[in-house]
């Protein structure tokens, strides 16, 4: 095991504990990491991982580390194509990027086929950036009503990625208010550069890549 990875993970966990009386779950973002680094992270006892792409995750967790899959919690934190909904529902424990009606429809069909679905988060585009996925804050209430009423989906929380050139705190505060307003208890917010801020502002999950694995 690479001592550096173990030390970085320990540092992240300590920072989360210092930032919040109820520290969020630490998601190790393993997307595009080498199998060696993922093996090192598994050796630290890390049990929660985040992936961006369904196909990459299928290879990693369905083949390379299939013997390690039991007991792990896998989060899909990247955009999900509607035609990959069934594959994602089979593999992941949590899908954080529900963001449009066509995907809700595909996930509902996947749920019918499988008899169950992963936990779902709705991605909110708090910065209303045109190039970024996510429901706008103004459209969130109507979107939740749609997915709950028309498709029988019951999201557990919200996820956001603040604009890179803005302070993250206002976006985290907004996401928390939106969750409270809509009866949602979980907040996935905060990445390597701002996970401590997110923890202090009530995140239930933080998605950490370089700060826990080191640079790619």
Protein backbone atom coordinates (compact mmCIF):
# COMPACT_ATOMS: atom_id res chain seq x y z
CA UNK A 1 0.00 0.00 0.00
CA UNK A 2 1.21 3.48 -0.83
CA UNK A 3 1.74 5.29 2.47
CA UNK A 4 0.96 8.60 0.81
CA UNK A 5 -2.57 7.50 -0.08
CA UNK A 6 -3.15 6.23 3.43
CA UNK A 7 -1.90 9.50 4.89
CA UNK A 8 -4.02 11.61 2.52
CA UNK A 9 -7.15 9.64 3.36
CA UNK A 10 -6.46 10.00 7.08
CA UNK A 11 -5.94 13.73 6.62
CA UNK A 12 -9.25 14.10 4.76
CA UNK A 13 -11.15 12.19 7.42
CA UNK A 14 -9.57 14.30 10.16
CA UNK A 15 -10.47 17.50 8.31
CA UNK A 16 -14.08 16.38 7.93
CA UNK A 17 -14.29 15.55 11.62
CA UNK A 18 -12.89 18.96 12.50
CA UNK A 19 -15.29 20.76 10.17
CA UNK A 20 -18.52 19.13 11.32
CA UNK A 21 -19.99 17.47 14.38
CA UNK A 22 -21.73 15.12 11.94
CA UNK A 23 -19.00 14.46 9.34
CA UNK A 24 -20.20 13.58 5.85
CA UNK A 25 -19.43 10.32 4.11
CA UNK A 26 -16.18 10.48 2.19
CA UNK A 27 -16.57 9.33 -1.42
CA UNK A 28 -13.22 8.44 -2.97
CA UNK A 29 -13.52 9.53 -6.59
CA UNK A 30 -11.78 6.70 -8.40
CA UNK A 31 -12.60 7.81 -11.95
CA UNK A 32 -9.54 7.60 -14.22
CA UNK A 33 -7.36 6.38 -11.37
CA UNK A 34 -5.00 3.49 -12.02
CA UNK A 35 -5.94 0.05 -10.73
CA UNK A 36 -2.88 0.21 -8.50
CA UNK A 37 -4.05 3.35 -6.76
CA UNK A 38 -7.54 1.95 -6.35
CA UNK A 39 -6.05 -1.20 -4.82
CA UNK A 40 -4.06 0.98 -2.43
CA UNK A 41 -7.21 2.87 -1.48
CA UNK A 42 -9.13 -0.35 -0.87
CA UNK A 43 -6.30 -1.45 1.40
CA UNK A 44 -6.89 1.59 3.64
CA UNK A 45 -10.40 0.32 4.39
CA UNK A 46 -12.16 2.88 2.19
CA UNK A 47 -15.63 1.53 1.37
CA UNK A 48 -17.27 4.29 -0.68
CA UNK A 49 -16.19 5.09 -4.24
CA UNK A 50 -17.41 7.42 -6.98
CA UNK A 51 -17.23 6.85 -10.72
CA UNK A 52 -18.06 9.08 -13.67
CA UNK A 53 -18.69 6.58 -16.44
CA UNK A 54 -20.80 3.44 -16.43
CA UNK A 55 -18.54 1.50 -18.77
CA UNK A 56 -15.35 2.30 -16.86
CA UNK A 57 -17.06 1.34 -13.61
CA UNK A 58 -18.32 -1.94 -15.07
CA UNK A 59 -14.78 -2.92 -15.98
CA UNK A 60 -13.31 -1.86 -12.65
CA UNK A 61 -15.93 -3.12 -10.21
CA UNK A 62 -17.47 -5.89 -12.28
CA UNK A 63 -14.18 -7.41 -13.44
CA UNK A 64 -10.89 -6.09 -12.00
CA UNK A 65 -12.11 -5.69 -8.42
CA UNK A 66 -15.19 -7.92 -8.58
CA UNK A 67 -13.96 -9.85 -5.55
CA UNK A 68 -13.90 -6.58 -3.55
CA UNK A 69 -17.37 -5.38 -4.60
CA UNK A 70 -19.33 -6.90 -1.71
CA UNK A 71 -19.75 -4.37 1.07
CA UNK A 72 -18.67 -1.38 -1.02
CA UNK A 73 -20.97 1.51 -1.85
CA UNK A 74 -20.61 2.76 -5.42
CA UNK A 75 -21.85 6.20 -6.46
CA UNK A 76 -22.34 7.34 -10.04
CA UNK A 77 -21.33 11.01 -9.96
CA UNK A 78 -21.03 11.69 -13.69
CA UNK A 79 -23.71 12.33 -16.32
CA UNK A 80 -25.88 9.34 -17.14
CA UNK A 81 -27.21 8.68 -20.63
CA UNK A 82 -30.78 7.40 -20.64
CA UNK A 83 -29.77 4.32 -22.63
CA UNK A 84 -27.32 3.37 -19.86
CA UNK A 85 -29.91 3.62 -17.07
CA UNK A 86 -30.44 -0.14 -16.72
CA UNK A 87 -26.69 -0.87 -16.65
CA UNK A 88 -26.18 1.87 -14.06
CA UNK A 89 -29.04 0.61 -11.90
CA UNK A 90 -27.53 -2.89 -11.89
CA UNK A 91 -24.08 -1.71 -10.81
CA UNK A 92 -24.39 1.36 -8.61
CA UNK A 93 -25.81 1.78 -5.13
CA UNK A 94 -26.38 5.51 -5.62
CA UNK A 95 -26.97 7.58 -8.77
CA UNK A 96 -26.33 11.26 -8.07
CA UNK A 97 -27.09 12.78 -11.47
CA UNK A 98 -30.82 12.54 -12.12
CA UNK A 99 -31.44 15.74 -14.05
CA UNK A 100 -34.13 15.35 -16.75
CA UNK A 101 -37.44 13.68 -17.49
CA UNK A 102 -36.07 11.27 -20.11
CA UNK A 103 -33.63 9.87 -17.55
CA UNK A 104 -36.37 9.61 -14.93
CA UNK A 105 -38.45 7.61 -17.39
CA UNK A 106 -35.53 5.28 -18.16
CA UNK A 107 -34.74 4.79 -14.47
CA UNK A 108 -38.38 4.01 -13.72
CA UNK A 109 -38.30 1.33 -16.43
CA UNK A 110 -35.06 -0.03 -14.98
CA UNK A 111 -36.66 -0.17 -11.56
CA UNK A 112 -39.59 -2.12 -12.94
CA UNK A 113 -37.22 -4.59 -14.62
CA UNK A 114 -35.00 -5.07 -11.59
CA UNK A 115 -37.55 -4.74 -8.82
CA UNK A 116 -35.49 -2.03 -7.16
CA UNK A 117 -33.41 1.06 -7.87
CA UNK A 118 -30.28 2.65 -6.44
CA UNK A 119 -30.71 5.63 -4.16
CA UNK A 120 -31.20 8.72 -6.29
CA UNK A 121 -29.98 12.31 -6.00
CA UNK A 122 -31.12 15.14 -8.24
CA UNK A 123 -28.31 17.21 -9.70
CA UNK A 124 -28.97 20.94 -9.34
CA UNK A 125 -27.20 23.46 -11.54
CA UNK A 126 -26.90 26.07 -8.81
CA UNK A 127 -24.83 28.38 -11.00
CA UNK A 128 -27.23 28.00 -13.95
CA UNK A 129 -24.27 27.35 -16.22
CA UNK A 130 -25.40 26.48 -19.76
CA UNK A 131 -22.62 23.95 -20.31
CA UNK A 132 -23.35 22.04 -17.11
CA UNK A 133 -25.94 19.37 -16.40
CA UNK A 134 -28.54 19.79 -13.70
CA UNK A 135 -31.98 21.13 -12.94
CA UNK A 136 -32.08 24.87 -12.30
CA UNK A 137 -33.06 25.93 -8.78
CA UNK A 138 -36.25 27.51 -10.12
CA UNK A 139 -37.29 24.28 -11.86
CA UNK A 140 -36.44 21.91 -9.03
CA UNK A 141 -39.82 21.84 -7.27
CA UNK A 142 -41.69 21.07 -10.49
CA UNK A 143 -39.12 18.44 -11.47
CA UNK A 144 -39.43 16.67 -8.13
CA UNK A 145 -43.21 16.70 -8.43
CA UNK A 146 -42.90 15.16 -11.89
CA UNK A 147 -40.49 12.37 -10.97
CA UNK A 148 -42.38 11.53 -7.81
CA UNK A 149 -45.85 11.67 -9.29
CA UNK A 150 -45.42 10.46 -12.86
CA UNK A 151 -42.53 8.02 -12.45
CA UNK A 152 -42.75 6.89 -8.84
CA UNK A 153 -39.19 7.91 -8.06
CA UNK A 154 -38.28 9.14 -4.59
CA UNK A 155 -34.97 11.01 -4.61
CA UNK A 156 -33.14 11.03 -1.31
CA UNK A 157 -31.12 14.19 -1.84
CA UNK A 158 -29.52 16.80 -4.04
CA UNK A 159 -26.09 17.18 -5.63
CA UNK A 160 -24.31 20.22 -7.04
CA UNK A 161 -21.03 21.31 -8.62
CA UNK A 162 -20.54 25.05 -8.04
CA UNK A 163 -18.99 27.20 -10.79
CA UNK A 164 -15.21 26.93 -10.71
CA UNK A 165 -14.72 30.71 -10.62
CA UNK A 166 -17.11 31.42 -7.74
CA UNK A 167 -16.98 30.94 -3.99
CA UNK A 168 -18.67 27.63 -3.19
CA UNK A 169 -20.39 28.63 0.05
CA UNK A 170 -23.42 30.42 -1.49
CA UNK A 171 -24.05 27.41 -3.71
CA UNK A 172 -23.84 24.98 -0.80
CA UNK A 173 -26.18 27.16 1.26
CA UNK A 174 -28.62 27.34 -1.64
CA UNK A 175 -28.56 23.56 -2.10
CA UNK A 176 -29.26 23.06 1.60
CA UNK A 177 -32.23 25.42 1.48
CA UNK A 178 -33.61 23.69 -1.61
CA UNK A 179 -33.31 20.31 0.09
CA UNK A 180 -35.10 21.51 3.21
CA UNK A 181 -37.84 23.13 1.15
CA UNK A 182 -38.48 19.92 -0.75
CA UNK A 183 -38.22 17.41 2.07
CA UNK A 184 -34.86 15.93 1.12
CA UNK A 185 -32.32 14.93 3.74
CA UNK A 186 -29.08 14.29 1.84
CA UNK A 187 -26.64 16.72 0.25
CA UNK A 188 -23.75 15.69 -2.00
CA UNK A 189 -21.56 18.75 -2.26
CA UNK A 190 -17.90 19.56 -1.94
CA UNK A 191 -14.88 18.25 -3.81
CA UNK A 192 -11.12 18.30 -3.24
CA UNK A 193 -10.82 22.10 -3.14
CA UNK A 194 -13.80 22.80 -0.89
CA UNK A 195 -14.91 19.66 0.93
CA UNK A 196 -14.23 21.16 4.36
CA UNK A 197 -16.51 24.11 3.56
CA UNK A 198 -19.20 21.70 2.39
CA UNK A 199 -18.88 19.65 5.56
CA UNK A 200 -19.31 22.75 7.71
CA UNK A 201 -22.43 23.68 5.73
CA UNK A 202 -24.19 20.37 6.17
CA UNK A 203 -23.02 18.02 3.42
CA UNK A 204 -23.98 14.39 3.91
CA UNK A 205 -21.48 13.30 1.23
CA UNK A 206 -18.32 14.86 -0.19
CA UNK A 207 -16.71 13.72 -3.45
CA UNK A 208 -12.93 13.81 -3.13
CA UNK A 209 -10.45 12.85 -5.84
CA UNK A 210 -7.00 14.44 -5.92
CA UNK A 211 -7.01 15.32 -2.21
CA UNK A 212 -7.31 11.64 -1.32
CA UNK A 213 -5.59 9.91 -4.27
CA UNK A 214 -3.07 12.58 -5.19
CA UNK A 215 -2.71 14.04 -8.70
CA UNK A 216 -3.35 11.68 -11.60
